[in-house]
PDB file of N, CA and C in Angstrom:
ATOM      1  N   MET A   1     106.025 121.329  85.078  1.00  0.00           N
ATOM      2  CA  MET A   1     106.244 120.739  86.379  1.00  0.00           C
ATOM      3  C   MET A   1     107.193 121.621  87.174  1.00  0.00           C
ATOM      4  N   TYR A   2     107.106 121.534  88.465  1.00  0.00           N
ATOM      5  CA  TYR A   2     107.956 122.297  89.359  1.00  0.00           C
ATOM      6  C   TYR A   2     109.178 121.438  89.685  1.00  0.00           C
ATOM      7  N   ARG A   3     110.193 121.554  88.873  1.00  0.00           N
ATOM      8  CA  ARG A   3     111.377 120.683  88.936  1.00  0.00           C
ATOM      9  C   ARG A   3     112.062 120.722  90.307  1.00  0.00           C
ATOM     10  N   THR A   4     112.227 121.913  90.869  1.00  0.00           N
ATOM     11  CA  THR A   4     112.910 122.040  92.156  1.00  0.00           C
ATOM     12  C   THR A   4     112.180 121.258  93.237  1.00  0.00           C
ATOM     13  N   ARG A   5     110.861 121.340  93.256  1.00  0.00           N
ATOM     14  CA  ARG A   5     110.091 120.601  94.254  1.00  0.00           C
ATOM     15  C   ARG A   5     110.205 119.094  94.034  1.00  0.00           C
ATOM     16  N   LEU A   6     110.225 118.665  92.793  1.00  0.00           N
ATOM     17  CA  LEU A   6     110.364 117.227  92.528  1.00  0.00           C
ATOM     18  C   LEU A   6     111.741 116.717  92.940  1.00  0.00           C
ATOM     19  N   ILE A   7     112.767 117.518  92.744  1.00  0.00           N
ATOM     20  CA  ILE A   7     114.108 117.140  93.199  1.00  0.00           C
ATOM     21  C   ILE A   7     114.126 117.033  94.720  1.00  0.00           C
ATOM     22  N   GLN A   8     113.521 117.995  95.398  1.00  0.00           N
ATOM     23  CA  GLN A   8     113.442 117.931  96.862  1.00  0.00           C
ATOM     24  C   GLN A   8     112.654 116.703  97.308  1.00  0.00           C
ATOM     25  N   LEU A   9     111.584 116.395  96.601  1.00  0.00           N
ATOM     26  CA  LEU A   9     110.775 115.224  96.925  1.00  0.00           C
ATOM     27  C   LEU A   9     111.616 113.956  96.801  1.00  0.00           C
ATOM     28  N   ARG A  10     112.398 113.864  95.756  1.00  0.00           N
ATOM     29  CA  ARG A  10     113.255 112.690  95.556  1.00  0.00           C
ATOM     30  C   ARG A  10     114.278 112.578  96.678  1.00  0.00           C
ATOM     31  N   GLU A  11     114.881 113.697  97.049  1.00  0.00           N
ATOM     32  CA  GLU A  11     115.863 113.696  98.137  1.00  0.00           C
ATOM     33  C   GLU A  11     115.223 113.261  99.452  1.00  0.00           C
ATOM     34  N   MET A  12     114.013 113.752  99.726  1.00  0.00           N
ATOM     35  CA  MET A  12     113.297 113.361 100.932  1.00  0.00           C
ATOM     36  C   MET A  12     113.019 111.867 100.918  1.00  0.00           C
ATOM     37  N   LEU A  13     112.549 111.371  99.779  1.00  0.00           N
ATOM     38  CA  LEU A  13     112.202 109.959  99.652  1.00  0.00           C
ATOM     39  C   LEU A  13     113.418 109.060  99.907  1.00  0.00           C
ATOM     40  N   GLU A  14     114.559 109.458  99.422  1.00  0.00           N
ATOM     41  CA  GLU A  14     115.774 108.660  99.620  1.00  0.00           C
ATOM     42  C   GLU A  14     116.100 108.474 101.102  1.00  0.00           C
ATOM     43  N   SER A  15     115.694 109.416 101.940  1.00  0.00           N
ATOM     44  CA  SER A  15     116.028 109.349 103.367  1.00  0.00           C
ATOM     45  C   SER A  15     115.054 108.499 104.186  1.00  0.00           C
ATOM     46  N   ILE A  16     113.975 108.038 103.581  1.00  0.00           N
ATOM     47  CA  ILE A  16     112.954 107.269 104.302  1.00  0.00           C
ATOM     48  C   ILE A  16     113.195 105.779 104.084  1.00  0.00           C
ATOM     49  N   PRO A  17     113.177 104.990 105.158  1.00  0.00           N
ATOM     50  CA  PRO A  17     113.376 103.541 104.987  1.00  0.00           C
ATOM     51  C   PRO A  17     112.310 102.919 104.083  1.00  0.00           C
ATOM     52  N   ASP A  18     112.718 101.942 103.311  1.00  0.00           N
ATOM     53  CA  ASP A  18     111.822 101.271 102.354  1.00  0.00           C
ATOM     54  C   ASP A  18     110.505 100.842 102.991  1.00  0.00           C
ATOM     55  N   GLU A  19     110.593 100.240 104.165  1.00  0.00           N
ATOM     56  CA  GLU A  19     109.400  99.673 104.802  1.00  0.00           C
ATOM     57  C   GLU A  19     108.423 100.727 105.318  1.00  0.00           C
ATOM     58  N   ARG A  20     108.794 101.995 105.256  1.00  0.00           N
ATOM     59  CA  ARG A  20     107.899 103.065 105.733  1.00  0.00           C
ATOM     60  C   ARG A  20     107.139 103.735 104.588  1.00  0.00           C
ATOM     61  N   ILE A  21     107.335 103.234 103.363  1.00  0.00           N
ATOM     62  CA  ILE A  21     106.633 103.759 102.188  1.00  0.00           C
ATOM     63  C   ILE A  21     105.603 102.731 101.743  1.00  0.00           C
ATOM     64  N   ASN A  22     104.381 103.192 101.518  1.00  0.00           N
ATOM     65  CA  ASN A  22     103.355 102.314 100.941  1.00  0.00           C
ATOM     66  C   ASN A  22     102.672 103.050  99.794  1.00  0.00           C
ATOM     67  N   LEU A  23     101.930 102.339  99.004  1.00  0.00           N
ATOM     68  CA  LEU A  23     101.214 102.965  97.886  1.00  0.00           C
ATOM     69  C   LEU A  23      99.698 102.852  98.066  1.00  0.00           C
ATOM     70  N   ILE A  24      99.272 102.557  99.274  1.00  0.00           N
ATOM     71  CA  ILE A  24      97.854 102.291  99.498  1.00  0.00           C
ATOM     72  C   ILE A  24      97.154 103.404 100.268  1.00  0.00           C
ATOM     73  N   HIS A  25      97.787 103.926 101.311  1.00  0.00           N
ATOM     74  CA  HIS A  25      97.142 104.918 102.191  1.00  0.00           C
ATOM     75  C   HIS A  25      97.950 106.208 102.212  1.00  0.00           C
ATOM     76  N   TRP A  26      97.245 107.344 102.352  1.00  0.00           N
ATOM     77  CA  TRP A  26      97.964 108.607 102.546  1.00  0.00           C
ATOM     78  C   TRP A  26      98.864 108.459 103.757  1.00  0.00           C
ATOM     79  N   ARG A  27      98.284 107.941 104.851  1.00  0.00           N
ATOM     80  CA  ARG A  27      99.036 107.620 106.070  1.00  0.00           C
ATOM     81  C   ARG A  27      98.400 106.390 106.693  1.00  0.00           C
ATOM     82  N   SER A  28      99.213 105.612 107.403  1.00  0.00           N
ATOM     83  CA  SER A  28      98.716 104.339 107.927  1.00  0.00           C
ATOM     84  C   SER A  28      97.646 104.500 108.993  1.00  0.00           C
ATOM     85  N   LYS A  29      97.596 105.649 109.628  1.00  0.00           N
ATOM     86  CA  LYS A  29      96.520 105.968 110.573  1.00  0.00           C
ATOM     87  C   LYS A  29      95.936 107.303 110.143  1.00  0.00           C
ATOM     88  N   TYR A  30      94.624 107.387 110.105  1.00  0.00           N
ATOM     89  CA  TYR A  30      93.927 108.587 109.641  1.00  0.00           C
ATOM     90  C   TYR A  30      94.400 109.843 110.362  1.00  0.00           C
ATOM     91  N   SER A  31      94.542 109.769 111.673  1.00  0.00           N
ATOM     92  CA  SER A  31      94.848 110.958 112.473  1.00  0.00           C
ATOM     93  C   SER A  31      96.335 111.123 112.793  1.00  0.00           C
ATOM     94  N   LEU A  32      97.190 110.402 112.113  1.00  0.00           N
ATOM     95  CA  LEU A  32      98.626 110.461 112.364  1.00  0.00           C
ATOM     96  C   LEU A  32      99.159 111.863 112.094  1.00  0.00           C
ATOM     97  N   THR A  33      99.797 112.454 113.100  1.00  0.00           N
ATOM     98  CA  THR A  33     100.362 113.798 112.919  1.00  0.00           C
ATOM     99  C   THR A  33     101.697 113.706 112.181  1.00  0.00           C
ATOM    100  N   ASP A  34     102.181 114.838 111.717  1.00  0.00           N
ATOM    101  CA  ASP A  34     103.474 114.873 111.037  1.00  0.00           C
ATOM    102  C   ASP A  34     104.579 114.370 111.962  1.00  0.00           C
ATOM    103  N   THR A  35     104.569 114.820 113.198  1.00  0.00           N
ATOM    104  CA  THR A  35     105.588 114.403 114.163  1.00  0.00           C
ATOM    105  C   THR A  35     105.530 112.905 114.393  1.00  0.00           C
ATOM    106  N   GLU A  36     104.347 112.361 114.571  1.00  0.00           N
ATOM    107  CA  GLU A  36     104.198 110.920 114.780  1.00  0.00           C
ATOM    108  C   GLU A  36     104.690 110.140 113.564  1.00  0.00           C
ATOM    109  N   LEU A  37     104.421 110.655 112.385  1.00  0.00           N
ATOM    110  CA  LEU A  37     104.872 109.971 111.174  1.00  0.00           C
ATOM    111  C   LEU A  37     106.387 109.816 111.168  1.00  0.00           C
ATOM    112  N   PHE A  38     107.093 110.864 111.571  1.00  0.00           N
ATOM    113  CA  PHE A  38     108.553 110.816 111.571  1.00  0.00           C
ATOM    114  C   PHE A  38     109.136 110.050 112.753  1.00  0.00           C
ATOM    115  N   THR A  39     108.421 109.993 113.877  1.00  0.00           N
ATOM    116  CA  THR A  39     109.033 109.446 115.084  1.00  0.00           C
ATOM    117  C   THR A  39     108.516 108.086 115.518  1.00  0.00           C
ATOM    118  N   GLU A  40     107.315 107.696 115.146  1.00  0.00           N
ATOM    119  CA  GLU A  40     106.771 106.419 115.602  1.00  0.00           C
ATOM    120  C   GLU A  40     107.194 105.279 114.687  1.00  0.00           C
ATOM    121  N   CYS A  41     107.581 104.198 115.305  1.00  0.00           N
ATOM    122  CA  CYS A  41     107.908 102.999 114.538  1.00  0.00           C
ATOM    123  C   CYS A  41     106.627 102.415 113.947  1.00  0.00           C
ATOM    124  N   ASN A  42     106.771 101.681 112.891  1.00  0.00           N
ATOM    125  CA  ASN A  42     105.653 100.976 112.244  1.00  0.00           C
ATOM    126  C   ASN A  42     104.587 101.887 111.648  1.00  0.00           C
ATOM    127  N   THR A  43     104.905 103.146 111.423  1.00  0.00           N
ATOM    128  CA  THR A  43     103.977 104.011 110.705  1.00  0.00           C
ATOM    129  C   THR A  43     104.440 104.103 109.261  1.00  0.00           C
ATOM    130  N   THR A  44     103.485 104.162 108.355  1.00  0.00           N
ATOM    131  CA  THR A  44     103.820 104.265 106.940  1.00  0.00           C
ATOM    132  C   THR A  44     102.973 105.355 106.299  1.00  0.00           C
ATOM    133  N   ALA A  45     103.397 105.763 105.135  1.00  0.00           N
ATOM    134  CA  ALA A  45     102.627 106.719 104.346  1.00  0.00           C
ATOM    135  C   ALA A  45     103.028 106.554 102.892  1.00  0.00           C
ATOM    136  N   CYS A  46     102.167 107.016 102.016  1.00  0.00           N
ATOM    137  CA  CYS A  46     102.531 107.043 100.609  1.00  0.00           C
ATOM    138  C   CYS A  46     103.434 108.257 100.383  1.00  0.00           C
ATOM    139  N   LEU A  47     103.916 108.397  99.198  1.00  0.00           N
ATOM    140  CA  LEU A  47     104.824 109.497  98.883  1.00  0.00           C
ATOM    141  C   LEU A  47     104.191 110.851  99.181  1.00  0.00           C
ATOM    142  N   LEU A  48     102.928 111.025  98.841  1.00  0.00           N
ATOM    143  CA  LEU A  48     102.271 112.305  99.108  1.00  0.00           C
ATOM    144  C   LEU A  48     102.038 112.504 100.604  1.00  0.00           C
ATOM    145  N   GLY A  49     101.733 111.447 101.319  1.00  0.00           N
ATOM    146  CA  GLY A  49     101.588 111.551 102.768  1.00  0.00           C
ATOM    147  C   GLY A  49     102.871 112.036 103.431  1.00  0.00           C
ATOM    148  N   TRP A  50     104.006 111.516 102.964  1.00  0.00           N
ATOM    149  CA  TRP A  50     105.300 111.979 103.470  1.00  0.00           C
ATOM    150  C   TRP A  50     105.570 113.415 103.037  1.00  0.00           C
ATOM    151  N   ALA A  51     105.260 113.744 101.796  1.00  0.00           N
ATOM    152  CA  ALA A  51     105.517 115.101 101.290  1.00  0.00           C
ATOM    153  C   ALA A  51     104.793 116.147 102.134  1.00  0.00           C
ATOM    154  N   CYS A  52     103.598 115.821 102.582  1.00  0.00           N
ATOM    155  CA  CYS A  52     102.824 116.761 103.409  1.00  0.00           C
ATOM    156  C   CYS A  52     103.465 117.005 104.766  1.00  0.00           C
ATOM    157  N   ALA A  53     104.316 116.094 105.223  1.00  0.00           N
ATOM    158  CA  ALA A  53     104.993 116.242 106.514  1.00  0.00           C
ATOM    159  C   ALA A  53     106.379 116.868 106.368  1.00  0.00           C
ATOM    160  N   TYR A  54     106.851 117.018 105.151  1.00  0.00           N
ATOM    161  CA  TYR A  54     108.198 117.522 104.887  1.00  0.00           C
ATOM    162  C   TYR A  54     108.241 119.031 105.128  1.00  0.00           C
ATOM    163  N   PRO A  55     109.041 119.499 106.089  1.00  0.00           N
ATOM    164  CA  PRO A  55     109.023 120.919 106.469  1.00  0.00           C
ATOM    165  C   PRO A  55     109.142 121.929 105.320  1.00  0.00           C
ATOM    166  N   PRO A  56     110.046 121.729 104.333  1.00  0.00           N
ATOM    167  CA  PRO A  56     110.094 122.718 103.246  1.00  0.00           C
ATOM    168  C   PRO A  56     108.776 122.811 102.453  1.00  0.00           C
ATOM    169  N   PHE A  57     108.088 121.689 102.286  1.00  0.00           N
ATOM    170  CA  PHE A  57     106.821 121.711 101.559  1.00  0.00           C
ATOM    171  C   PHE A  57     105.709 122.281 102.426  1.00  0.00           C
ATOM    172  N   LYS A  58     105.737 121.962 103.716  1.00  0.00           N
ATOM    173  CA  LYS A  58     104.746 122.532 104.643  1.00  0.00           C
ATOM    174  C   LYS A  58     104.846 124.057 104.643  1.00  0.00           C
ATOM    175  N   ALA A  59     106.076 124.570 104.619  1.00  0.00           N
ATOM    176  CA  ALA A  59     106.293 126.019 104.614  1.00  0.00           C
ATOM    177  C   ALA A  59     105.731 126.677 103.354  1.00  0.00           C
ATOM    178  N   GLN A  60     105.575 125.870 102.284  1.00  0.00           N
ATOM    179  CA  GLN A  60     105.040 126.389 101.019  1.00  0.00           C
ATOM    180  C   GLN A  60     103.544 126.100 100.868  1.00  0.00           C
ATOM    181  N   GLY A  61     102.929 125.548 101.914  1.00  0.00           N
ATOM    182  CA  GLY A  61     101.481 125.388 101.903  1.00  0.00           C
ATOM    183  C   GLY A  61     100.943 123.991 101.725  1.00  0.00           C
ATOM    184  N   LEU A  62     101.786 122.998 101.452  1.00  0.00           N
ATOM    185  CA  LEU A  62     101.303 121.622 101.335  1.00  0.00           C
ATOM    186  C   LEU A  62     101.118 121.074 102.741  1.00  0.00           C
ATOM    187  N   GLU A  63      99.948 120.506 103.022  1.00  0.00           N
ATOM    188  CA  GLU A  63      99.690 120.011 104.372  1.00  0.00           C
ATOM    189  C   GLU A  63      98.745 118.824 104.369  1.00  0.00           C
ATOM    190  N   TYR A  64      98.653 118.200 105.521  1.00  0.00           N
ATOM    191  CA  TYR A  64      97.783 117.050 105.736  1.00  0.00           C
ATOM    192  C   TYR A  64      96.758 117.470 106.774  1.00  0.00           C
ATOM    193  N   LYS A  65      95.500 117.625 106.353  1.00  0.00           N
ATOM    194  CA  LYS A  65      94.430 118.065 107.257  1.00  0.00           C
ATOM    195  C   LYS A  65      93.234 117.149 107.111  1.00  0.00           C
ATOM    196  N   HIS A  66      92.634 116.833 108.231  1.00  0.00           N
ATOM    197  CA  HIS A  66      91.401 116.034 108.228  1.00  0.00           C
ATOM    198  C   HIS A  66      91.558 114.736 107.430  1.00  0.00           C
ATOM    199  N   GLY A  67      92.765 114.179 107.481  1.00  0.00           N
ATOM    200  CA  GLY A  67      93.000 112.887 106.849  1.00  0.00           C
ATOM    201  C   GLY A  67      93.288 112.907 105.365  1.00  0.00           C
ATOM    202  N   VAL A  68      93.509 114.096 104.787  1.00  0.00           N
ATOM    203  CA  VAL A  68      93.812 114.177 103.351  1.00  0.00           C
ATOM    204  C   VAL A  68      94.887 115.227 103.072  1.00  0.00           C
ATOM    205  N   PRO A  69      95.672 115.029 102.008  1.00  0.00           N
ATOM    206  CA  PRO A  69      96.612 116.056 101.575  1.00  0.00           C
ATOM    207  C   PRO A  69      95.848 117.282 101.062  1.00  0.00           C
ATOM    208  N   CYS A  70      96.366 118.464 101.372  1.00  0.00           N
ATOM    209  CA  CYS A  70      95.728 119.721 100.972  1.00  0.00           C
ATOM    210  C   CYS A  70      96.775 120.713 100.485  1.00  0.00           C
ATOM    211  N   TYR A  71      96.389 121.493  99.488  1.00  0.00           N
ATOM    212  CA  TYR A  71      97.204 122.612  99.031  1.00  0.00           C
ATOM    213  C   TYR A  71      96.251 123.682  98.518  1.00  0.00           C
ATOM    214  N   LYS A  72      96.260 124.821  99.195  1.00  0.00           N
ATOM    215  CA  LYS A  72      95.303 125.889  98.909  1.00  0.00           C
ATOM    216  C   LYS A  72      93.902 125.295  98.985  1.00  0.00           C
ATOM    217  N   GLU A  73      93.091 125.437  97.953  1.00  0.00           N
ATOM    218  CA  GLU A  73      91.727 124.892  98.001  1.00  0.00           C
ATOM    219  C   GLU A  73      91.641 123.470  97.444  1.00  0.00           C
ATOM    220  N   HIS A  74      92.764 122.878  97.111  1.00  0.00           N
ATOM    221  CA  HIS A  74      92.802 121.546  96.497  1.00  0.00           C
ATOM    222  C   HIS A  74      93.045 120.463  97.542  1.00  0.00           C
ATOM    223  N   ILE A  75      92.424 119.302  97.324  1.00  0.00           N
ATOM    224  CA  ILE A  75      92.629 118.168  98.227  1.00  0.00           C
ATOM    225  C   ILE A  75      92.969 116.911  97.426  1.00  0.00           C
ATOM    226  N   ASN A  76      93.476 115.920  98.154  1.00  0.00           N
ATOM    227  CA  ASN A  76      93.818 114.624  97.572  1.00  0.00           C
ATOM    228  C   ASN A  76      94.813 114.781  96.421  1.00  0.00           C
ATOM    229  N   ILE A  77      94.592 114.073  95.338  1.00  0.00           N
ATOM    230  CA  ILE A  77      95.542 114.079  94.220  1.00  0.00           C
ATOM    231  C   ILE A  77      95.608 115.459  93.555  1.00  0.00           C
ATOM    232  N   ALA A  78      94.514 116.218  93.613  1.00  0.00           N
ATOM    233  CA  ALA A  78      94.519 117.571  93.046  1.00  0.00           C
ATOM    234  C   ALA A  78      95.507 118.472  93.792  1.00  0.00           C
ATOM    235  N   ALA A  79      95.690 118.238  95.086  1.00  0.00           N
ATOM    236  CA  ALA A  79      96.670 119.008  95.855  1.00  0.00           C
ATOM    237  C   ALA A  79      98.076 118.744  95.312  1.00  0.00           C
ATOM    238  N   ALA A  80      98.383 117.486  95.057  1.00  0.00           N
ATOM    239  CA  ALA A  80      99.693 117.132  94.498  1.00  0.00           C
ATOM    240  C   ALA A  80      99.860 117.708  93.103  1.00  0.00           C
ATOM    241  N   LYS A  81      98.835 117.605  92.289  1.00  0.00           N
ATOM    242  CA  LYS A  81      98.869 118.125  90.917  1.00  0.00           C
ATOM    243  C   LYS A  81      99.215 119.614  90.922  1.00  0.00           C
ATOM    244  N   GLU A  82      98.545 120.369  91.775  1.00  0.00           N
ATOM    245  CA  GLU A  82      98.772 121.815  91.826  1.00  0.00           C
ATOM    246  C   GLU A  82     100.108 122.176  92.470  1.00  0.00           C
ATOM    247  N   PHE A  83     100.456 121.495  93.549  1.00  0.00           N
ATOM    248  CA  PHE A  83     101.688 121.842  94.258  1.00  0.00           C
ATOM    249  C   PHE A  83     102.924 121.559  93.412  1.00  0.00           C
ATOM    250  N   PHE A  84     102.931 120.428  92.727  1.00  0.00           N
ATOM    251  CA  PHE A  84     104.092 120.050  91.923  1.00  0.00           C
ATOM    252  C   PHE A  84     103.949 120.445  90.455  1.00  0.00           C
ATOM    253  N   TYR A  85     102.846 121.102  90.089  1.00  0.00           N
ATOM    254  CA  TYR A  85     102.578 121.513  88.701  1.00  0.00           C
ATOM    255  C   TYR A  85     102.673 120.337  87.739  1.00  0.00           C
ATOM    256  N   LEU A  86     101.954 119.279  88.048  1.00  0.00           N
ATOM    257  CA  LEU A  86     101.929 118.088  87.210  1.00  0.00           C
ATOM    258  C   LEU A  86     100.612 118.002  86.460  1.00  0.00           C
ATOM    259  N   THR A  87     100.584 117.232  85.389  1.00  0.00           N
ATOM    260  CA  THR A  87      99.306 116.912  84.772  1.00  0.00           C
ATOM    261  C   THR A  87      98.599 115.921  85.706  1.00  0.00           C
ATOM    262  N   LEU A  88      97.323 115.738  85.501  1.00  0.00           N
ATOM    263  CA  LEU A  88      96.596 114.788  86.339  1.00  0.00           C
ATOM    264  C   LEU A  88      97.167 113.387  86.182  1.00  0.00           C
ATOM    265  N   SER A  89      97.467 112.986  84.949  1.00  0.00           N
ATOM    266  CA  SER A  89      98.000 111.633  84.750  1.00  0.00           C
ATOM    267  C   SER A  89      99.385 111.478  85.396  1.00  0.00           C
ATOM    268  N   GLU A  90     100.228 112.502  85.348  1.00  0.00           N
ATOM    269  CA  GLU A  90     101.532 112.434  86.018  1.00  0.00           C
ATOM    270  C   GLU A  90     101.360 112.306  87.526  1.00  0.00           C
ATOM    271  N   ALA A  91     100.461 113.096  88.087  1.00  0.00           N
ATOM    272  CA  ALA A  91     100.217 113.046  89.538  1.00  0.00           C
ATOM    273  C   ALA A  91      99.666 111.693  89.952  1.00  0.00           C
ATOM    274  N   GLU A  92      98.747 111.156  89.174  1.00  0.00           N
ATOM    275  CA  GLU A  92      98.182 109.841  89.499  1.00  0.00           C
ATOM    276  C   GLU A  92      99.241 108.746  89.414  1.00  0.00           C
ATOM    277  N   GLU A  93     100.072 108.791  88.399  1.00  0.00           N
ATOM    278  CA  GLU A  93     101.111 107.759  88.229  1.00  0.00           C
ATOM    279  C   GLU A  93     102.124 107.809  89.362  1.00  0.00           C
ATOM    280  N   LEU A  94     102.447 109.001  89.839  1.00  0.00           N
ATOM    281  CA  LEU A  94     103.433 109.149  90.908  1.00  0.00           C
ATOM    282  C   LEU A  94     102.839 108.867  92.284  1.00  0.00           C
ATOM    283  N   PHE A  95     101.645 109.382  92.541  1.00  0.00           N
ATOM    284  CA  PHE A  95     101.099 109.330  93.901  1.00  0.00           C
ATOM    285  C   PHE A  95      99.979 108.308  94.113  1.00  0.00           C
ATOM    286  N   CYS A  96      99.298 107.882  93.073  1.00  0.00           N
ATOM    287  CA  CYS A  96      98.188 106.913  93.189  1.00  0.00           C
ATOM    288  C   CYS A  96      98.290 105.875  92.078  1.00  0.00           C
ATOM    289  N   PRO A  97      99.374 105.161  92.015  1.00  0.00           N
ATOM    290  CA  PRO A  97      99.625 104.291  90.861  1.00  0.00           C
ATOM    291  C   PRO A  97      98.885 102.961  90.909  1.00  0.00           C
ATOM    292  N   ARG A  98      97.683 102.928  90.380  1.00  0.00           N
ATOM    293  CA  ARG A  98      96.925 101.678  90.401  1.00  0.00           C
ATOM    294  C   ARG A  98      97.693 100.551  89.711  1.00  0.00           C
ATOM    295  N   LYS A  99      98.249 100.825  88.537  1.00  0.00           N
ATOM    296  CA  LYS A  99      99.024  99.766  87.884  1.00  0.00           C
ATOM    297  C   LYS A  99     100.346  99.551  88.588  1.00  0.00           C
ATOM    298  N   GLY A 100     100.849 100.542  89.306  1.00  0.00           N
ATOM    299  CA  GLY A 100     102.070 100.379  90.074  1.00  0.00           C
ATOM    300  C   GLY A 100     101.917  99.379  91.194  1.00  0.00           C
ATOM    301  N   ILE A 101     100.769  99.373  91.836  1.00  0.00           N
ATOM    302  CA  ILE A 101     100.519  98.428  92.922  1.00  0.00           C
ATOM    303  C   ILE A 101     100.543  97.011  92.390  1.00  0.00           C
ATOM    304  N   ASN A 102      99.881  96.783  91.260  1.00  0.00           N
ATOM    305  CA  ASN A 102      99.899  95.441  90.651  1.00  0.00           C
ATOM    306  C   ASN A 102     101.315  95.036  90.264  1.00  0.00           C
ATOM    307  N   PHE A 103     102.064  95.976  89.707  1.00  0.00           N
ATOM    308  CA  PHE A 103     103.448  95.695  89.334  1.00  0.00           C
ATOM    309  C   PHE A 103     104.260  95.276  90.556  1.00  0.00           C
ATOM    310  N   LEU A 104     104.093  96.008  91.662  1.00  0.00           N
ATOM    311  CA  LEU A 104     104.847  95.684  92.868  1.00  0.00           C
ATOM    312  C   LEU A 104     104.503  94.306  93.390  1.00  0.00           C
ATOM    313  N   LEU A 105     103.230  93.967  93.354  1.00  0.00           N
ATOM    314  CA  LEU A 105     102.816  92.649  93.831  1.00  0.00           C
ATOM    315  C   LEU A 105     103.455  91.544  93.001  1.00  0.00           C
ATOM    316  N   LEU A 106     103.583  91.759  91.706  1.00  0.00           N
ATOM    317  CA  LEU A 106     104.149  90.744  90.822  1.00  0.00           C
ATOM    318  C   LEU A 106     105.673  90.725  90.828  1.00  0.00           C
ATOM    319  N   SER A 107     106.284  91.880  90.961  1.00  0.00           N
ATOM    320  CA  SER A 107     107.735  91.965  90.815  1.00  0.00           C
ATOM    321  C   SER A 107     108.504  91.849  92.122  1.00  0.00           C
ATOM    322  N   GLY A 108     107.854  92.162  93.227  1.00  0.00           N
ATOM    323  CA  GLY A 108     108.556  92.164  94.499  1.00  0.00           C
ATOM    324  C   GLY A 108     109.353  93.438  94.744  1.00  0.00           C
ATOM    325  N   GLU A 109     109.255  94.417  93.842  1.00  0.00           N
ATOM    326  CA  GLU A 109     109.955  95.686  94.017  1.00  0.00           C
ATOM    327  C   GLU A 109     109.325  96.464  95.167  1.00  0.00           C
ATOM    328  N   THR A 110     110.121  97.273  95.855  1.00  0.00           N
ATOM    329  CA  THR A 110     109.579  98.068  96.956  1.00  0.00           C
ATOM    330  C   THR A 110     108.827  99.281  96.427  1.00  0.00           C
ATOM    331  N   ALA A 111     107.907  99.767  97.232  1.00  0.00           N
ATOM    332  CA  ALA A 111     107.166 100.979  96.879  1.00  0.00           C
ATOM    333  C   ALA A 111     108.125 102.156  96.719  1.00  0.00           C
ATOM    334  N   LYS A 112     109.136 102.202  97.568  1.00  0.00           N
ATOM    335  CA  LYS A 112     110.110 103.287  97.491  1.00  0.00           C
ATOM    336  C   LYS A 112     110.823 103.271  96.139  1.00  0.00           C
ATOM    337  N   ASN A 113     111.288 102.109  95.699  1.00  0.00           N
ATOM    338  CA  ASN A 113     111.973 102.032  94.398  1.00  0.00           C
ATOM    339  C   ASN A 113     111.047 102.411  93.260  1.00  0.00           C
ATOM    340  N   TYR A 114     109.784 101.994  93.344  1.00  0.00           N
ATOM    341  CA  TYR A 114     108.818 102.369  92.318  1.00  0.00           C
ATOM    342  C   TYR A 114     108.705 103.897  92.247  1.00  0.00           C
ATOM    343  N   CYS A 115     108.558 104.539  93.400  1.00  0.00           N
ATOM    344  CA  CYS A 115     108.417 105.999  93.433  1.00  0.00           C
ATOM    345  C   CYS A 115     109.674 106.693  92.922  1.00  0.00           C
ATOM    346  N   LEU A 116     110.836 106.181  93.293  1.00  0.00           N
ATOM    347  CA  LEU A 116     112.084 106.770  92.799  1.00  0.00           C
ATOM    348  C   LEU A 116     112.158 106.688  91.275  1.00  0.00           C
ATOM    349  N   LYS A 117     111.766 105.566  90.714  1.00  0.00           N
ATOM    350  CA  LYS A 117     111.779 105.413  89.252  1.00  0.00           C
ATOM    351  C   LYS A 117     110.805 106.381  88.580  1.00  0.00           C
ATOM    352  N   GLN A 118     109.635 106.559  89.177  1.00  0.00           N
ATOM    353  CA  GLN A 118     108.663 107.484  88.605  1.00  0.00           C
ATOM    354  C   GLN A 118     109.186 108.920  88.662  1.00  0.00           C
ATOM    355  N   LEU A 119     109.813 109.284  89.759  1.00  0.00           N
ATOM    356  CA  LEU A 119     110.413 110.618  89.864  1.00  0.00           C
ATOM    357  C   LEU A 119     111.523 110.794  88.836  1.00  0.00           C
ATOM    358  N   ASP A 120     112.339 109.775  88.667  1.00  0.00           N
ATOM    359  CA  ASP A 120     113.419 109.867  87.676  1.00  0.00           C
ATOM    360  C   ASP A 120     112.874 110.062  86.265  1.00  0.00           C
ATOM    361  N   LYS A 121     111.758 109.407  85.943  1.00  0.00           N
ATOM    362  CA  LYS A 121     111.127 109.608  84.633  1.00  0.00           C
ATOM    363  C   LYS A 121     110.690 111.052  84.457  1.00  0.00           C
ATOM    364  N   LEU A 122     110.089 111.614  85.486  1.00  0.00           N
ATOM    365  CA  LEU A 122     109.627 113.006  85.406  1.00  0.00           C
ATOM    366  C   LEU A 122     110.785 113.984  85.301  1.00  0.00           C
ATOM    367  N   LEU A 123     111.874 113.667  85.960  1.00  0.00           N
ATOM    368  CA  LEU A 123     113.022 114.582  85.992  1.00  0.00           C
ATOM    369  C   LEU A 123     113.959 114.425  84.796  1.00  0.00           C
ATOM    370  N   ALA A 124     113.775 113.356  84.002  1.00  0.00           N
ATOM    371  CA  ALA A 124     114.662 113.107  82.855  1.00  0.00           C
ATOM    372  C   ALA A 124     114.500 114.161  81.773  1.00  0.00           C
TER     373      ALA A 124
END
């Protein structure tokens, strides 16, 4: 795994209000630009959607194009897997957590806290 990038991802996540993180959509609007994501109220994104808008990651090639995360020739979860050097299961658990969504519905935990815990597991 690319530890430095995961640490940066965690730091970025800490700065985003809880209510602006979701685990369902890359971004709450298909055509939402990076600038709109940061400046418009009531916009949300999943962790990977936010990562694609984060300037240090954008400078390294991670981007959001045509409604999906992209890195080099990879799209969607494969982009995250390659950019952060994760296994497929690690990338899915962090960025597309099917069981995480069910857990959140039952526990009342925020999506942001769930993502922070998953990052902490990877960084331990």
